[in-house]
């Protein structure tokens, strides 16, 4: 992936998410606003460190409103690498991301997930069923 294509992808995603941030439906609000992370924070009763990564300041702002200071929220582009230390997480989740990535960014994302997982850690991804209409879905065939 060239630097220019990374920049173009990031700009496109930001513009799309700015539009989404103006009108959320119930599911999008749950996943993106931080409600899901809040539910995890409640279930772990403060015994874990929770981190959220998103490409856009608008999404992070919504999550901060929902979560306050209970979760560390990081702005970053998963297509260019996960900005976390090696072996720093027990669980990594991906919600509606993989099908949005350019095909050549999917394997590096999975490599990055493997890098940041502790031994015995798990990765869970939610990939919408329309993923078969996206070129990145070819990675799973």
C-alpha atoms as a PDB file:
ATOM      1  CA  UNK A   1       0.000   0.000   0.000  1.00  0.00           C
ATOM      2  CA  UNK A   2       1.568   3.302  -1.045  1.00  0.00           C
ATOM      3  CA  UNK A   3       1.573   6.336   1.240  1.00  0.00           C
ATOM      4  CA  UNK A   4      -0.758   8.130  -1.193  1.00  0.00           C
ATOM      5  CA  UNK A   5      -3.283   5.266  -1.220  1.00  0.00           C
ATOM      6  CA  UNK A   6      -3.166   5.132   2.595  1.00  0.00           C
ATOM      7  CA  UNK A   7      -3.841   8.876   2.772  1.00  0.00           C
ATOM      8  CA  UNK A   8      -6.666   8.592   0.220  1.00  0.00           C
ATOM      9  CA  UNK A   9      -8.215   5.681   2.125  1.00  0.00           C
ATOM     10  CA  UNK A  10      -8.004   7.539   5.441  1.00  0.00           C
ATOM     11  CA  UNK A  11      -9.586  10.667   3.913  1.00  0.00           C
ATOM     12  CA  UNK A  12     -12.394   8.623   2.364  1.00  0.00           C
ATOM     13  CA  UNK A  13     -13.128   6.810   5.634  1.00  0.00           C
ATOM     14  CA  UNK A  14     -13.137  10.088   7.558  1.00  0.00           C
ATOM     15  CA  UNK A  15     -15.616  11.641   5.145  1.00  0.00           C
ATOM     16  CA  UNK A  16     -17.883   8.587   5.247  1.00  0.00           C
ATOM     17  CA  UNK A  17     -17.822   8.407   9.041  1.00  0.00           C
ATOM     18  CA  UNK A  18     -18.492  12.150   9.363  1.00  0.00           C
ATOM     19  CA  UNK A  19     -21.715  11.518   7.472  1.00  0.00           C
ATOM     20  CA  UNK A  20     -22.546   8.486   9.612  1.00  0.00           C
ATOM     21  CA  UNK A  21     -21.881  10.473  12.784  1.00  0.00           C
ATOM     22  CA  UNK A  22     -24.757  12.805  11.857  1.00  0.00           C
ATOM     23  CA  UNK A  23     -27.401  10.072  11.852  1.00  0.00           C
ATOM     24  CA  UNK A  24     -26.907   6.866  13.819  1.00  0.00           C
ATOM     25  CA  UNK A  25     -29.193   3.920  13.931  1.00  0.00           C
ATOM     26  CA  UNK A  26     -29.437   1.809  17.062  1.00  0.00           C
ATOM     27  CA  UNK A  27     -26.775  -0.772  16.121  1.00  0.00           C
ATOM     28  CA  UNK A  28     -24.261   1.780  14.884  1.00  0.00           C
ATOM     29  CA  UNK A  29     -24.759   3.793  18.072  1.00  0.00           C
ATOM     30  CA  UNK A  30     -24.149   0.700  20.189  1.00  0.00           C
ATOM     31  CA  UNK A  31     -20.934  -0.276  18.422  1.00  0.00           C
ATOM     32  CA  UNK A  32     -19.412   3.078  17.636  1.00  0.00           C
ATOM     33  CA  UNK A  33     -20.522   5.381  20.425  1.00  0.00           C
ATOM     34  CA  UNK A  34     -18.722   3.348  23.042  1.00  0.00           C
ATOM     35  CA  UNK A  35     -21.746   1.571  24.487  1.00  0.00           C
ATOM     36  CA  UNK A  36     -20.201  -1.807  23.709  1.00  0.00           C
ATOM     37  CA  UNK A  37     -16.965  -0.853  25.464  1.00  0.00           C
ATOM     38  CA  UNK A  38     -19.001   0.479  28.399  1.00  0.00           C
ATOM     39  CA  UNK A  39     -20.741  -2.889  28.681  1.00  0.00           C
ATOM     40  CA  UNK A  40     -17.361  -4.633  28.710  1.00  0.00           C
ATOM     41  CA  UNK A  41     -16.072  -2.173  31.327  1.00  0.00           C
ATOM     42  CA  UNK A  42     -19.107  -2.915  33.498  1.00  0.00           C
ATOM     43  CA  UNK A  43     -18.605  -6.687  33.169  1.00  0.00           C
ATOM     44  CA  UNK A  44     -14.887  -6.551  33.987  1.00  0.00           C
ATOM     45  CA  UNK A  45     -15.604  -4.375  37.050  1.00  0.00           C
ATOM     46  CA  UNK A  46     -12.491  -2.299  36.504  1.00  0.00           C
ATOM     47  CA  UNK A  47     -10.184  -5.337  36.543  1.00  0.00           C
ATOM     48  CA  UNK A  48      -8.968  -4.910  32.987  1.00  0.00           C
ATOM     49  CA  UNK A  49      -7.586  -2.226  30.732  1.00  0.00           C
ATOM     50  CA  UNK A  50      -9.900  -1.425  27.836  1.00  0.00           C
ATOM     51  CA  UNK A  51      -8.716   0.320  24.692  1.00  0.00           C
ATOM     52  CA  UNK A  52     -10.706   1.498  21.680  1.00  0.00           C
ATOM     53  CA  UNK A  53      -9.191   2.417  18.298  1.00  0.00           C
ATOM     54  CA  UNK A  54     -10.984   4.443  15.659  1.00  0.00           C
ATOM     55  CA  UNK A  55      -9.961   6.331  12.556  1.00  0.00           C
ATOM     56  CA  UNK A  56     -12.032   9.440  13.163  1.00  0.00           C
ATOM     57  CA  UNK A  57     -12.106  12.120  15.843  1.00  0.00           C
ATOM     58  CA  UNK A  58     -15.918  12.305  15.495  1.00  0.00           C
ATOM     59  CA  UNK A  59     -16.346   8.673  16.537  1.00  0.00           C
ATOM     60  CA  UNK A  60     -13.882   9.037  19.388  1.00  0.00           C
ATOM     61  CA  UNK A  61     -15.709  12.129  20.628  1.00  0.00           C
ATOM     62  CA  UNK A  62     -18.976  10.169  20.764  1.00  0.00           C
ATOM     63  CA  UNK A  63     -17.272   7.317  22.592  1.00  0.00           C
ATOM     64  CA  UNK A  64     -15.759   9.734  25.135  1.00  0.00           C
ATOM     65  CA  UNK A  65     -19.233  11.117  25.858  1.00  0.00           C
ATOM     66  CA  UNK A  66     -20.463   7.587  26.555  1.00  0.00           C
ATOM     67  CA  UNK A  67     -17.432   6.320  28.465  1.00  0.00           C
ATOM     68  CA  UNK A  68     -15.834   9.232  30.251  1.00  0.00           C
ATOM     69  CA  UNK A  69     -12.368   8.146  31.344  1.00  0.00           C
ATOM     70  CA  UNK A  70     -13.087   4.427  31.745  1.00  0.00           C
ATOM     71  CA  UNK A  71     -11.481   3.410  28.447  1.00  0.00           C
ATOM     72  CA  UNK A  72      -8.334   4.545  26.671  1.00  0.00           C
ATOM     73  CA  UNK A  73      -9.429   5.762  23.218  1.00  0.00           C
ATOM     74  CA  UNK A  74      -6.825   6.012  20.480  1.00  0.00           C
ATOM     75  CA  UNK A  75      -7.077   7.646  17.064  1.00  0.00           C
ATOM     76  CA  UNK A  76      -5.426   5.470  14.460  1.00  0.00           C
ATOM     77  CA  UNK A  77      -5.744   3.772  11.125  1.00  0.00           C
ATOM     78  CA  UNK A  78      -5.851  -0.026  11.395  1.00  0.00           C
ATOM     79  CA  UNK A  79      -4.931  -0.219   7.697  1.00  0.00           C
ATOM     80  CA  UNK A  80      -1.505   1.257   8.454  1.00  0.00           C
ATOM     81  CA  UNK A  81      -0.733  -0.721  11.602  1.00  0.00           C
ATOM     82  CA  UNK A  82      -1.982  -1.139  15.130  1.00  0.00           C
ATOM     83  CA  UNK A  83      -0.308   1.413  17.430  1.00  0.00           C
ATOM     84  CA  UNK A  84       0.121  -0.927  20.399  1.00  0.00           C
ATOM     85  CA  UNK A  85       3.013  -2.773  22.025  1.00  0.00           C
ATOM     86  CA  UNK A  86       3.717  -6.398  21.238  1.00  0.00           C
ATOM     87  CA  UNK A  87       1.839  -8.915  23.413  1.00  0.00           C
ATOM     88  CA  UNK A  88      -0.220  -6.255  25.192  1.00  0.00           C
ATOM     89  CA  UNK A  89      -3.793  -7.651  24.897  1.00  0.00           C
ATOM     90  CA  UNK A  90      -5.656 -10.779  25.968  1.00  0.00           C
ATOM     91  CA  UNK A  91      -8.594 -10.089  23.639  1.00  0.00           C
ATOM     92  CA  UNK A  92      -8.801  -8.110  20.404  1.00  0.00           C
ATOM     93  CA  UNK A  93     -12.103  -7.445  18.665  1.00  0.00           C
ATOM     94  CA  UNK A  94     -12.886  -5.977  15.285  1.00  0.00           C
ATOM     95  CA  UNK A  95     -16.372  -4.671  14.625  1.00  0.00           C
ATOM     96  CA  UNK A  96     -17.298  -4.073  11.002  1.00  0.00           C
ATOM     97  CA  UNK A  97     -13.763  -3.248   9.924  1.00  0.00           C
ATOM     98  CA  UNK A  98     -12.297  -6.097   7.911  1.00  0.00           C
ATOM     99  CA  UNK A  99     -14.739  -5.821   5.007  1.00  0.00           C
ATOM    100  CA  UNK A 100     -13.946  -2.100   4.708  1.00  0.00           C
ATOM    101  CA  UNK A 101     -10.202  -2.537   4.254  1.00  0.00           C
ATOM    102  CA  UNK A 102      -8.436  -2.645   0.917  1.00  0.00           C
ATOM    103  CA  UNK A 103      -7.600  -6.276   0.137  1.00  0.00           C
ATOM    104  CA  UNK A 104      -3.857  -5.729   0.595  1.00  0.00           C
ATOM    105  CA  UNK A 105      -4.415  -4.367   4.125  1.00  0.00           C
ATOM    106  CA  UNK A 106      -6.259  -7.432   5.512  1.00  0.00           C
ATOM    107  CA  UNK A 107      -3.271  -9.743   6.004  1.00  0.00           C
ATOM    108  CA  UNK A 108      -1.165  -6.991   7.630  1.00  0.00           C
ATOM    109  CA  UNK A 109      -4.084  -6.278   9.979  1.00  0.00           C
ATOM    110  CA  UNK A 110      -4.218  -9.932  11.046  1.00  0.00           C
ATOM    111  CA  UNK A 111      -0.429  -9.950  11.448  1.00  0.00           C
ATOM    112  CA  UNK A 112      -0.766  -6.872  13.661  1.00  0.00           C
ATOM    113  CA  UNK A 113      -3.477  -8.521  15.754  1.00  0.00           C
ATOM    114  CA  UNK A 114      -1.252 -11.569  16.235  1.00  0.00           C
ATOM    115  CA  UNK A 115       1.634  -9.283  17.236  1.00  0.00           C
ATOM    116  CA  UNK A 116      -0.339  -7.471  19.959  1.00  0.00           C
ATOM    117  CA  UNK A 117      -2.042 -10.568  21.416  1.00  0.00           C
ATOM    118  CA  UNK A 118      -0.515 -12.203  24.464  1.00  0.00           C
ATOM    119  CA  UNK A 119       0.070 -15.969  24.259  1.00  0.00           C
ATOM    120  CA  UNK A 120      -3.318 -17.670  24.527  1.00  0.00           C
ATOM    121  CA  UNK A 121      -5.119 -14.459  23.547  1.00  0.00           C
ATOM    122  CA  UNK A 122      -8.168 -14.473  21.291  1.00  0.00           C
ATOM    123  CA  UNK A 123      -9.324 -12.442  18.304  1.00  0.00           C
ATOM    124  CA  UNK A 124     -13.022 -11.992  17.546  1.00  0.00           C
ATOM    125  CA  UNK A 125     -14.249 -10.197  14.429  1.00  0.00           C
ATOM    126  CA  UNK A 126     -17.726  -9.151  13.388  1.00  0.00           C
ATOM    127  CA  UNK A 127     -17.924  -9.090   9.601  1.00  0.00           C
ATOM    128  CA  UNK A 128     -21.315  -8.230   8.056  1.00  0.00           C
ATOM    129  CA  UNK A 129     -22.839 -10.832   5.781  1.00  0.00           C
ATOM    130  CA  UNK A 130     -22.622  -8.386   2.850  1.00  0.00           C
ATOM    131  CA  UNK A 131     -18.856  -8.848   2.998  1.00  0.00           C
ATOM    132  CA  UNK A 132     -19.050 -11.172  -0.005  1.00  0.00           C
ATOM    133  CA  UNK A 133     -19.649  -8.065  -2.109  1.00  0.00           C
ATOM    134  CA  UNK A 134     -16.347  -6.528  -0.998  1.00  0.00           C
ATOM    135  CA  UNK A 135     -12.948  -7.406  -2.504  1.00  0.00           C
ATOM    136  CA  UNK A 136     -11.401  -7.826   0.958  1.00  0.00           C
ATOM    137  CA  UNK A 137     -13.805 -10.742   1.535  1.00  0.00           C
ATOM    138  CA  UNK A 138     -11.830 -12.724  -1.064  1.00  0.00           C
ATOM    139  CA  UNK A 139      -9.235 -13.242   1.660  1.00  0.00           C
ATOM    140  CA  UNK A 140     -11.712 -15.562   3.413  1.00  0.00           C
ATOM    141  CA  UNK A 141     -12.655 -17.745   0.453  1.00  0.00           C
END
